[in-house]
Amino acid sequence: MERALSTIPAPCCAKYTMATCCCPCNLAKSAWGLSKYLIAERGYEAPRVRKTVLDWLRVTNPDGYTGNACFTGGCDRSFADNGCGGMNEKQLIAHR
């Protein structure tokens, strides 16, 4: 997982990688969970995990992420609105 995600800038905070992000926001947790599933259940290697996570990020926000959501109030915005989708996996912030 570390090899797959450490080369992807965190979409919500590009100062960090997707492997660490700056906080456990819903966007980061979704990528981490997807990665763990692909490795544990599907036997994917790092390159395939990386590609699939990048595909997932494109699905969540087709317009792309700016990498500064954490500094512009993005914690309370949906993925599609260049946000983190919230900080609680039990309460995902939806697109308005």
PDB file of N, CA and C in Angstrom:
ATOM      1  N   MET A   1       0.832  -1.187   0.000  1.00  0.00           N
ATOM      2  CA  MET A   1       0.000   0.000   0.000  1.00  0.00           C
ATOM      3  C   MET A   1       0.878   1.252   0.000  1.00  0.00           C
ATOM      4  N   GLU A   2       1.904   1.239   0.817  1.00  0.00           N
ATOM      5  CA  GLU A   2       2.813   2.388   0.882  1.00  0.00           C
ATOM      6  C   GLU A   2       3.447   2.654  -0.485  1.00  0.00           C
ATOM      7  N   ARG A   3       3.920   1.604  -1.143  1.00  0.00           N
ATOM      8  CA  ARG A   3       4.537   1.786  -2.468  1.00  0.00           C
ATOM      9  C   ARG A   3       3.538   2.336  -3.473  1.00  0.00           C
ATOM     10  N   ALA A   4       2.319   1.883  -3.404  1.00  0.00           N
ATOM     11  CA  ALA A   4       1.300   2.317  -4.369  1.00  0.00           C
ATOM     12  C   ALA A   4       0.887   3.762  -4.148  1.00  0.00           C
ATOM     13  N   LEU A   5       0.712   4.166  -2.906  1.00  0.00           N
ATOM     14  CA  LEU A   5       0.136   5.472  -2.613  1.00  0.00           C
ATOM     15  C   LEU A   5       1.153   6.581  -2.363  1.00  0.00           C
ATOM     16  N   SER A   6       2.396   6.223  -2.112  1.00  0.00           N
ATOM     17  CA  SER A   6       3.381   7.251  -1.776  1.00  0.00           C
ATOM     18  C   SER A   6       3.798   8.095  -2.979  1.00  0.00           C
ATOM     19  N   THR A   7       3.428   7.681  -4.173  1.00  0.00           N
ATOM     20  CA  THR A   7       3.757   8.473  -5.368  1.00  0.00           C
ATOM     21  C   THR A   7       2.599   9.349  -5.837  1.00  0.00           C
ATOM     22  N   ILE A   8       1.481   9.277  -5.126  1.00  0.00           N
ATOM     23  CA  ILE A   8       0.299  10.067  -5.485  1.00  0.00           C
ATOM     24  C   ILE A   8       0.177  11.235  -4.504  1.00  0.00           C
ATOM     25  N   PRO A   9       0.210  12.475  -4.982  1.00  0.00           N
ATOM     26  CA  PRO A   9      -0.020  13.598  -4.064  1.00  0.00           C
ATOM     27  C   PRO A   9      -1.441  13.511  -3.488  1.00  0.00           C
ATOM     28  N   ALA A  10      -1.588  13.779  -2.219  1.00  0.00           N
ATOM     29  CA  ALA A  10      -2.924  13.758  -1.616  1.00  0.00           C
ATOM     30  C   ALA A  10      -3.783  14.813  -2.313  1.00  0.00           C
ATOM     31  N   PRO A  11      -4.921  14.442  -2.851  1.00  0.00           N
ATOM     32  CA  PRO A  11      -5.756  15.377  -3.597  1.00  0.00           C
ATOM     33  C   PRO A  11      -6.242  16.559  -2.777  1.00  0.00           C
ATOM     34  N   CYS A  12      -6.397  16.357  -1.476  1.00  0.00           N
ATOM     35  CA  CYS A  12      -6.904  17.427  -0.625  1.00  0.00           C
ATOM     36  C   CYS A  12      -5.785  18.251   0.001  1.00  0.00           C
ATOM     37  N   CYS A  13      -4.569  17.718   0.003  1.00  0.00           N
ATOM     38  CA  CYS A  13      -3.434  18.426   0.595  1.00  0.00           C
ATOM     39  C   CYS A  13      -2.157  17.924  -0.063  1.00  0.00           C
ATOM     40  N   ALA A  14      -1.780  18.518  -1.166  1.00  0.00           N
ATOM     41  CA  ALA A  14      -0.667  18.035  -1.990  1.00  0.00           C
ATOM     42  C   ALA A  14       0.699  18.112  -1.305  1.00  0.00           C
ATOM     43  N   LYS A  15       0.753  18.697  -0.109  1.00  0.00           N
ATOM     44  CA  LYS A  15       2.011  18.694   0.651  1.00  0.00           C
ATOM     45  C   LYS A  15       2.342  17.289   1.135  1.00  0.00           C
ATOM     46  N   TYR A  16       1.347  16.414   1.140  1.00  0.00           N
ATOM     47  CA  TYR A  16       1.474  15.044   1.614  1.00  0.00           C
ATOM     48  C   TYR A  16       1.190  14.083   0.468  1.00  0.00           C
ATOM     49  N   THR A  17       1.491  12.816   0.689  1.00  0.00           N
ATOM     50  CA  THR A  17       1.132  11.809  -0.300  1.00  0.00           C
ATOM     51  C   THR A  17      -0.197  11.172   0.090  1.00  0.00           C
ATOM     52  N   MET A  18      -0.771  10.452  -0.844  1.00  0.00           N
ATOM     53  CA  MET A  18      -2.015   9.740  -0.563  1.00  0.00           C
ATOM     54  C   MET A  18      -1.789   8.679   0.516  1.00  0.00           C
ATOM     55  N   ALA A  19      -0.556   8.221   0.675  1.00  0.00           N
ATOM     56  CA  ALA A  19      -0.250   7.205   1.692  1.00  0.00           C
ATOM     57  C   ALA A  19      -0.411   7.744   3.101  1.00  0.00           C
ATOM     58  N   THR A  20      -0.118   9.026   3.292  1.00  0.00           N
ATOM     59  CA  THR A  20      -0.179   9.590   4.639  1.00  0.00           C
ATOM     60  C   THR A  20      -1.262  10.643   4.773  1.00  0.00           C
ATOM     61  N   CYS A  21      -1.522  11.393   3.723  1.00  0.00           N
ATOM     62  CA  CYS A  21      -2.424  12.535   3.745  1.00  0.00           C
ATOM     63  C   CYS A  21      -2.061  13.400   4.953  1.00  0.00           C
ATOM     64  N   CYS A  22      -2.836  14.385   5.251  1.00  0.00           N
ATOM     65  CA  CYS A  22      -2.537  15.210   6.433  1.00  0.00           C
ATOM     66  C   CYS A  22      -3.498  14.873   7.561  1.00  0.00           C
ATOM     67  N   CYS A  23      -4.572  14.165   7.225  1.00  0.00           N
ATOM     68  CA  CYS A  23      -5.556  13.785   8.229  1.00  0.00           C
ATOM     69  C   CYS A  23      -6.380  12.618   7.687  1.00  0.00           C
ATOM     70  N   PRO A  24      -7.085  11.927   8.542  1.00  0.00           N
ATOM     71  CA  PRO A  24      -7.917  10.814   8.080  1.00  0.00           C
ATOM     72  C   PRO A  24      -9.299  11.287   7.610  1.00  0.00           C
ATOM     73  N   CYS A  25      -9.309  12.081   6.544  1.00  0.00           N
ATOM     74  CA  CYS A  25     -10.582  12.553   5.992  1.00  0.00           C
ATOM     75  C   CYS A  25     -11.253  11.414   5.220  1.00  0.00           C
ATOM     76  N   ASN A  26     -12.491  11.613   4.834  1.00  0.00           N
ATOM     77  CA  ASN A  26     -13.217  10.576   4.111  1.00  0.00           C
ATOM     78  C   ASN A  26     -12.586  10.256   2.762  1.00  0.00           C
ATOM     79  N   LEU A  27     -11.994  11.240   2.113  1.00  0.00           N
ATOM     80  CA  LEU A  27     -11.334  10.969   0.840  1.00  0.00           C
ATOM     81  C   LEU A  27     -10.131  10.062   1.051  1.00  0.00           C
ATOM     82  N   ALA A  28      -9.301  10.378   2.020  1.00  0.00           N
ATOM     83  CA  ALA A  28      -8.133   9.542   2.313  1.00  0.00           C
ATOM     84  C   ALA A  28      -8.563   8.144   2.753  1.00  0.00           C
ATOM     85  N   LYS A  29      -9.547   8.076   3.633  1.00  0.00           N
ATOM     86  CA  LYS A  29      -9.994   6.768   4.117  1.00  0.00           C
ATOM     87  C   LYS A  29     -10.566   5.920   2.992  1.00  0.00           C
ATOM     88  N   SER A  30     -11.209   6.550   2.015  1.00  0.00           N
ATOM     89  CA  SER A  30     -11.748   5.772   0.894  1.00  0.00           C
ATOM     90  C   SER A  30     -10.613   5.179   0.063  1.00  0.00           C
ATOM     91  N   ALA A  31      -9.559   5.948  -0.159  1.00  0.00           N
ATOM     92  CA  ALA A  31      -8.414   5.443  -0.923  1.00  0.00           C
ATOM     93  C   ALA A  31      -7.658   4.371  -0.142  1.00  0.00           C
ATOM     94  N   TRP A  32      -7.518   4.574   1.161  1.00  0.00           N
ATOM     95  CA  TRP A  32      -6.831   3.581   1.992  1.00  0.00           C
ATOM     96  C   TRP A  32      -7.612   2.271   2.033  1.00  0.00           C
ATOM     97  N   GLY A  33      -8.921   2.376   2.208  1.00  0.00           N
ATOM     98  CA  GLY A  33      -9.749   1.170   2.251  1.00  0.00           C
ATOM     99  C   GLY A  33      -9.743   0.430   0.924  1.00  0.00           C
ATOM    100  N   LEU A  34      -9.853   1.164  -0.161  1.00  0.00           N
ATOM    101  CA  LEU A  34      -9.797   0.553  -1.482  1.00  0.00           C
ATOM    102  C   LEU A  34      -8.467  -0.165  -1.673  1.00  0.00           C
ATOM    103  N   SER A  35      -7.384   0.479  -1.310  1.00  0.00           N
ATOM    104  CA  SER A  35      -6.052  -0.118  -1.457  1.00  0.00           C
ATOM    105  C   SER A  35      -5.920  -1.403  -0.651  1.00  0.00           C
ATOM    106  N   LYS A  36      -6.347  -1.354   0.594  1.00  0.00           N
ATOM    107  CA  LYS A  36      -6.259  -2.540   1.448  1.00  0.00           C
ATOM    108  C   LYS A  36      -7.088  -3.689   0.887  1.00  0.00           C
ATOM    109  N   TYR A  37      -8.283  -3.379   0.396  1.00  0.00           N
ATOM    110  CA  TYR A  37      -9.132  -4.403  -0.205  1.00  0.00           C
ATOM    111  C   TYR A  37      -8.449  -5.015  -1.429  1.00  0.00           C
ATOM    112  N   LEU A  38      -7.930  -4.170  -2.310  1.00  0.00           N
ATOM    113  CA  LEU A  38      -7.305  -4.666  -3.537  1.00  0.00           C
ATOM    114  C   LEU A  38      -6.108  -5.560  -3.240  1.00  0.00           C
ATOM    115  N   ILE A  39      -5.353  -5.221  -2.213  1.00  0.00           N
ATOM    116  CA  ILE A  39      -4.173  -6.009  -1.846  1.00  0.00           C
ATOM    117  C   ILE A  39      -4.587  -7.309  -1.164  1.00  0.00           C
ATOM    118  N   ALA A  40      -5.447  -7.203  -0.153  1.00  0.00           N
ATOM    119  CA  ALA A  40      -5.812  -8.370   0.654  1.00  0.00           C
ATOM    120  C   ALA A  40      -6.754  -9.337  -0.058  1.00  0.00           C
ATOM    121  N   GLU A  41      -7.720  -8.800  -0.767  1.00  0.00           N
ATOM    122  CA  GLU A  41      -8.751  -9.660  -1.370  1.00  0.00           C
ATOM    123  C   GLU A  41      -8.509  -9.982  -2.836  1.00  0.00           C
ATOM    124  N   ARG A  42      -7.865  -9.086  -3.543  1.00  0.00           N
ATOM    125  CA  ARG A  42      -7.651  -9.293  -4.977  1.00  0.00           C
ATOM    126  C   ARG A  42      -6.211  -9.635  -5.335  1.00  0.00           C
ATOM    127  N   GLY A  43      -5.302  -9.459  -4.389  1.00  0.00           N
ATOM    128  CA  GLY A  43      -3.900  -9.779  -4.631  1.00  0.00           C
ATOM    129  C   GLY A  43      -3.186  -8.816  -5.569  1.00  0.00           C
ATOM    130  N   TYR A  44      -3.682  -7.593  -5.669  1.00  0.00           N
ATOM    131  CA  TYR A  44      -3.065  -6.604  -6.560  1.00  0.00           C
ATOM    132  C   TYR A  44      -1.682  -6.205  -6.053  1.00  0.00           C
ATOM    133  N   GLU A  45      -0.780  -5.957  -6.986  1.00  0.00           N
ATOM    134  CA  GLU A  45       0.545  -5.416  -6.686  1.00  0.00           C
ATOM    135  C   GLU A  45       0.468  -3.892  -6.740  1.00  0.00           C
ATOM    136  N   ALA A  46       1.507  -3.235  -6.254  1.00  0.00           N
ATOM    137  CA  ALA A  46       1.525  -1.775  -6.121  1.00  0.00           C
ATOM    138  C   ALA A  46       1.140  -1.023  -7.406  1.00  0.00           C
ATOM    139  N   PRO A  47       1.675  -1.359  -8.581  1.00  0.00           N
ATOM    140  CA  PRO A  47       1.311  -0.584  -9.775  1.00  0.00           C
ATOM    141  C   PRO A  47      -0.186  -0.628 -10.093  1.00  0.00           C
ATOM    142  N   ARG A  48      -0.784  -1.777  -9.903  1.00  0.00           N
ATOM    143  CA  ARG A  48      -2.218  -1.906 -10.191  1.00  0.00           C
ATOM    144  C   ARG A  48      -3.059  -1.200  -9.130  1.00  0.00           C
ATOM    145  N   VAL A  49      -2.613  -1.249  -7.883  1.00  0.00           N
ATOM    146  CA  VAL A  49      -3.305  -0.524  -6.810  1.00  0.00           C
ATOM    147  C   VAL A  49      -3.242   0.970  -7.115  1.00  0.00           C
ATOM    148  N   ARG A  50      -2.070   1.453  -7.468  1.00  0.00           N
ATOM    149  CA  ARG A  50      -1.894   2.879  -7.783  1.00  0.00           C
ATOM    150  C   ARG A  50      -2.839   3.301  -8.901  1.00  0.00           C
ATOM    151  N   LYS A  51      -2.876   2.540  -9.987  1.00  0.00           N
ATOM    152  CA  LYS A  51      -3.750   2.873 -11.121  1.00  0.00           C
ATOM    153  C   LYS A  51      -5.214   2.886 -10.705  1.00  0.00           C
ATOM    154  N   THR A  52      -5.619   1.911  -9.921  1.00  0.00           N
ATOM    155  CA  THR A  52      -7.019   1.819  -9.509  1.00  0.00           C
ATOM    156  C   THR A  52      -7.396   2.971  -8.582  1.00  0.00           C
ATOM    157  N   VAL A  53      -6.500   3.355  -7.682  1.00  0.00           N
ATOM    158  CA  VAL A  53      -6.769   4.493  -6.794  1.00  0.00           C
ATOM    159  C   VAL A  53      -6.851   5.782  -7.608  1.00  0.00           C
ATOM    160  N   LEU A  54      -5.958   5.953  -8.578  1.00  0.00           N
ATOM    161  CA  LEU A  54      -6.031   7.141  -9.440  1.00  0.00           C
ATOM    162  C   LEU A  54      -7.348   7.166 -10.215  1.00  0.00           C
ATOM    163  N   ASP A  55      -7.787   5.998 -10.685  1.00  0.00           N
ATOM    164  CA  ASP A  55      -9.090   5.908 -11.367  1.00  0.00           C
ATOM    165  C   ASP A  55     -10.215   6.306 -10.414  1.00  0.00           C
ATOM    166  N   TRP A  56     -10.144   5.823  -9.173  1.00  0.00           N
ATOM    167  CA  TRP A  56     -11.150   6.152  -8.160  1.00  0.00           C
ATOM    168  C   TRP A  56     -11.197   7.664  -7.911  1.00  0.00           C
ATOM    169  N   LEU A  57     -10.033   8.287  -7.800  1.00  0.00           N
ATOM    170  CA  LEU A  57      -9.992   9.725  -7.561  1.00  0.00           C
ATOM    171  C   LEU A  57     -10.602  10.494  -8.734  1.00  0.00           C
ATOM    172  N   ARG A  58     -10.407  10.008  -9.955  1.00  0.00           N
ATOM    173  CA  ARG A  58     -11.019  10.651 -11.124  1.00  0.00           C
ATOM    174  C   ARG A  58     -12.542  10.485 -11.114  1.00  0.00           C
ATOM    175  N   VAL A  59     -13.007   9.350 -10.619  1.00  0.00           N
ATOM    176  CA  VAL A  59     -14.449   9.127 -10.516  1.00  0.00           C
ATOM    177  C   VAL A  59     -15.050  10.057  -9.462  1.00  0.00           C
ATOM    178  N   THR A  60     -14.376  10.220  -8.347  1.00  0.00           N
ATOM    179  CA  THR A  60     -14.929  11.042  -7.270  1.00  0.00           C
ATOM    180  C   THR A  60     -14.969  12.515  -7.627  1.00  0.00           C
ATOM    181  N   ASN A  61     -14.040  12.965  -8.486  1.00  0.00           N
ATOM    182  CA  ASN A  61     -14.038  14.360  -8.919  1.00  0.00           C
ATOM    183  C   ASN A  61     -13.458  14.444 -10.331  1.00  0.00           C
ATOM    184  N   PRO A  62     -14.311  14.292 -11.344  1.00  0.00           N
ATOM    185  CA  PRO A  62     -13.841  14.311 -12.730  1.00  0.00           C
ATOM    186  C   PRO A  62     -13.104  15.596 -13.116  1.00  0.00           C
ATOM    187  N   ASP A  63     -13.377  16.696 -12.423  1.00  0.00           N
ATOM    188  CA  ASP A  63     -12.694  17.958 -12.721  1.00  0.00           C
ATOM    189  C   ASP A  63     -11.301  18.017 -12.103  1.00  0.00           C
ATOM    190  N   GLY A  64     -10.981  17.074 -11.238  1.00  0.00           N
ATOM    191  CA  GLY A  64      -9.675  17.031 -10.598  1.00  0.00           C
ATOM    192  C   GLY A  64      -9.637  17.818  -9.307  1.00  0.00           C
ATOM    193  N   TYR A  65      -8.667  17.492  -8.502  1.00  0.00           N
ATOM    194  CA  TYR A  65      -8.477  18.149  -7.204  1.00  0.00           C
ATOM    195  C   TYR A  65      -7.362  19.172  -7.302  1.00  0.00           C
ATOM    196  N   THR A  66      -7.471  20.250  -6.552  1.00  0.00           N
ATOM    197  CA  THR A  66      -6.465  21.302  -6.575  1.00  0.00           C
ATOM    198  C   THR A  66      -5.303  21.041  -5.624  1.00  0.00           C
ATOM    199  N   GLY A  67      -5.499  20.147  -4.665  1.00  0.00           N
ATOM    200  CA  GLY A  67      -4.452  19.852  -3.702  1.00  0.00           C
ATOM    201  C   GLY A  67      -4.389  20.837  -2.554  1.00  0.00           C
ATOM    202  N   ASN A  68      -5.376  21.720  -2.448  1.00  0.00           N
ATOM    203  CA  ASN A  68      -5.357  22.709  -1.363  1.00  0.00           C
ATOM    204  C   ASN A  68      -6.659  22.743  -0.565  1.00  0.00           C
ATOM    205  N   ALA A  69      -7.467  21.720  -0.663  1.00  0.00           N
ATOM    206  CA  ALA A  69      -8.769  21.717   0.006  1.00  0.00           C
ATOM    207  C   ALA A  69      -8.657  21.902   1.518  1.00  0.00           C
ATOM    208  N   CYS A  70      -7.619  21.341   2.116  1.00  0.00           N
ATOM    209  CA  CYS A  70      -7.468  21.446   3.566  1.00  0.00           C
ATOM    210  C   CYS A  70      -7.238  22.887   4.017  1.00  0.00           C
ATOM    211  N   PHE A  71      -6.783  23.729   3.110  1.00  0.00           N
ATOM    212  CA  PHE A  71      -6.473  25.116   3.454  1.00  0.00           C
ATOM    213  C   PHE A  71      -7.539  26.096   2.971  1.00  0.00           C
ATOM    214  N   THR A  72      -8.585  25.562   2.325  1.00  0.00           N
ATOM    215  CA  THR A  72      -9.631  26.430   1.768  1.00  0.00           C
ATOM    216  C   THR A  72     -11.028  25.992   2.194  1.00  0.00           C
ATOM    217  N   GLY A  73     -11.135  25.359   3.349  1.00  0.00           N
ATOM    218  CA  GLY A  73     -12.438  24.930   3.853  1.00  0.00           C
ATOM    219  C   GLY A  73     -12.965  23.664   3.223  1.00  0.00           C
ATOM    220  N   GLY A  74     -12.106  22.902   2.597  1.00  0.00           N
ATOM    221  CA  GLY A  74     -12.528  21.713   1.870  1.00  0.00           C
ATOM    222  C   GLY A  74     -12.949  20.532   2.708  1.00  0.00           C
ATOM    223  N   CYS A  75     -12.666  20.562   3.986  1.00  0.00           N
ATOM    224  CA  CYS A  75     -13.062  19.440   4.843  1.00  0.00           C
ATOM    225  C   CYS A  75     -14.580  19.278   4.865  1.00  0.00           C
ATOM    226  N   ASP A  76     -15.296  20.353   4.652  1.00  0.00           N
ATOM    227  CA  ASP A  76     -16.757  20.327   4.680  1.00  0.00           C
ATOM    228  C   ASP A  76     -17.376  20.371   3.289  1.00  0.00           C
ATOM    229  N   ARG A  77     -16.591  20.040   2.267  1.00  0.00           N
ATOM    230  CA  ARG A  77     -17.119  19.982   0.894  1.00  0.00           C
ATOM    231  C   ARG A  77     -17.112  18.545   0.401  1.00  0.00           C
ATOM    232  N   SER A  78     -17.969  18.277  -0.560  1.00  0.00           N
ATOM    233  CA  SER A  78     -18.025  16.949  -1.168  1.00  0.00           C
ATOM    234  C   SER A  78     -16.793  16.713  -2.034  1.00  0.00           C
ATOM    235  N   PHE A  79     -16.566  15.472  -2.380  1.00  0.00           N
ATOM    236  CA  PHE A  79     -15.465  15.133  -3.289  1.00  0.00           C
ATOM    237  C   PHE A  79     -15.601  15.912  -4.594  1.00  0.00           C
ATOM    238  N   ALA A  80     -16.800  15.924  -5.150  1.00  0.00           N
ATOM    239  CA  ALA A  80     -17.034  16.581  -6.442  1.00  0.00           C
ATOM    240  C   ALA A  80     -16.837  18.087  -6.381  1.00  0.00           C
ATOM    241  N   ASP A  81     -16.857  18.638  -5.178  1.00  0.00           N
ATOM    242  CA  ASP A  81     -16.639  20.070  -4.993  1.00  0.00           C
ATOM    243  C   ASP A  81     -15.223  20.359  -4.482  1.00  0.00           C
ATOM    244  N   ASN A  82     -14.274  19.487  -4.880  1.00  0.00           N
ATOM    245  CA  ASN A  82     -12.874  19.654  -4.499  1.00  0.00           C
ATOM    246  C   ASN A  82     -12.686  19.597  -2.986  1.00  0.00           C
ATOM    247  N   GLY A  83     -13.427  18.695  -2.347  1.00  0.00           N
ATOM    248  CA  GLY A  83     -13.346  18.593  -0.900  1.00  0.00           C
ATOM    249  C   GLY A  83     -12.982  17.214  -0.412  1.00  0.00           C
ATOM    250  N   CYS A  84     -12.923  17.103   0.893  1.00  0.00           N
ATOM    251  CA  CYS A  84     -12.538  15.861   1.570  1.00  0.00           C
ATOM    252  C   CYS A  84     -13.723  14.940   1.839  1.00  0.00           C
ATOM    253  N   GLY A  85     -14.934  15.443   1.642  1.00  0.00           N
ATOM    254  CA  GLY A  85     -16.114  14.632   1.905  1.00  0.00           C
ATOM    255  C   GLY A  85     -16.428  14.479   3.374  1.00  0.00           C
ATOM    256  N   GLY A  86     -15.816  15.307   4.201  1.00  0.00           N
ATOM    257  CA  GLY A  86     -16.054  15.245   5.641  1.00  0.00           C
ATOM    258  C   GLY A  86     -14.969  14.477   6.371  1.00  0.00           C
ATOM    259  N   MET A  87     -15.108  14.460   7.659  1.00  0.00           N
ATOM    260  CA  MET A  87     -14.104  13.830   8.518  1.00  0.00           C
ATOM    261  C   MET A  87     -14.642  12.606   9.253  1.00  0.00           C
ATOM    262  N   ASN A  88     -15.868  12.226   8.982  1.00  0.00           N
ATOM    263  CA  ASN A  88     -16.505  11.110   9.666  1.00  0.00           C
ATOM    264  C   ASN A  88     -17.088  10.174   8.618  1.00  0.00           C
ATOM    265  N   GLU A  89     -16.581   8.945   8.577  1.00  0.00           N
ATOM    266  CA  GLU A  89     -17.044   8.001   7.557  1.00  0.00           C
ATOM    267  C   GLU A  89     -18.527   7.653   7.691  1.00  0.00           C
ATOM    268  N   LYS A  90     -19.114   7.961   8.818  1.00  0.00           N
ATOM    269  CA  LYS A  90     -20.543   7.705   8.997  1.00  0.00           C
ATOM    270  C   LYS A  90     -21.395   8.867   8.493  1.00  0.00           C
ATOM    271  N   GLN A  91     -20.726   9.938   8.065  1.00  0.00           N
ATOM    272  CA  GLN A  91     -21.442  11.108   7.571  1.00  0.00           C
ATOM    273  C   GLN A  91     -20.667  11.718   6.394  1.00  0.00           C
ATOM    274  N   LEU A  92     -20.821  11.088   5.245  1.00  0.00           N
ATOM    275  CA  LEU A  92     -20.168  11.573   4.031  1.00  0.00           C
ATOM    276  C   LEU A  92     -20.908  12.816   3.514  1.00  0.00           C
ATOM    277  N   ILE A  93     -20.166  13.859   3.228  1.00  0.00           N
ATOM    278  CA  ILE A  93     -20.766  15.089   2.717  1.00  0.00           C
ATOM    279  C   ILE A  93     -21.028  14.908   1.224  1.00  0.00           C
ATOM    280  N   ALA A  94     -22.271  15.054   0.841  1.00  0.00           N
ATOM    281  CA  ALA A  94     -22.691  14.819  -0.541  1.00  0.00           C
ATOM    282  C   ALA A  94     -22.580  16.084  -1.372  1.00  0.00           C
ATOM    283  N   HIS A  95     -22.519  15.885  -2.678  1.00  0.00           N
ATOM    284  CA  HIS A  95     -22.486  16.996  -3.632  1.00  0.00           C
ATOM    285  C   HIS A  95     -23.785  17.778  -3.539  1.00  0.00           C
ATOM    286  N   ARG A  96     -23.684  19.081  -3.534  1.00  0.00           N
ATOM    287  CA  ARG A  96     -24.874  19.927  -3.386  1.00  0.00           C
ATOM    288  C   ARG A  96     -25.445  20.279  -4.724  1.00  0.00           C
TER     289      ARG A  96
END
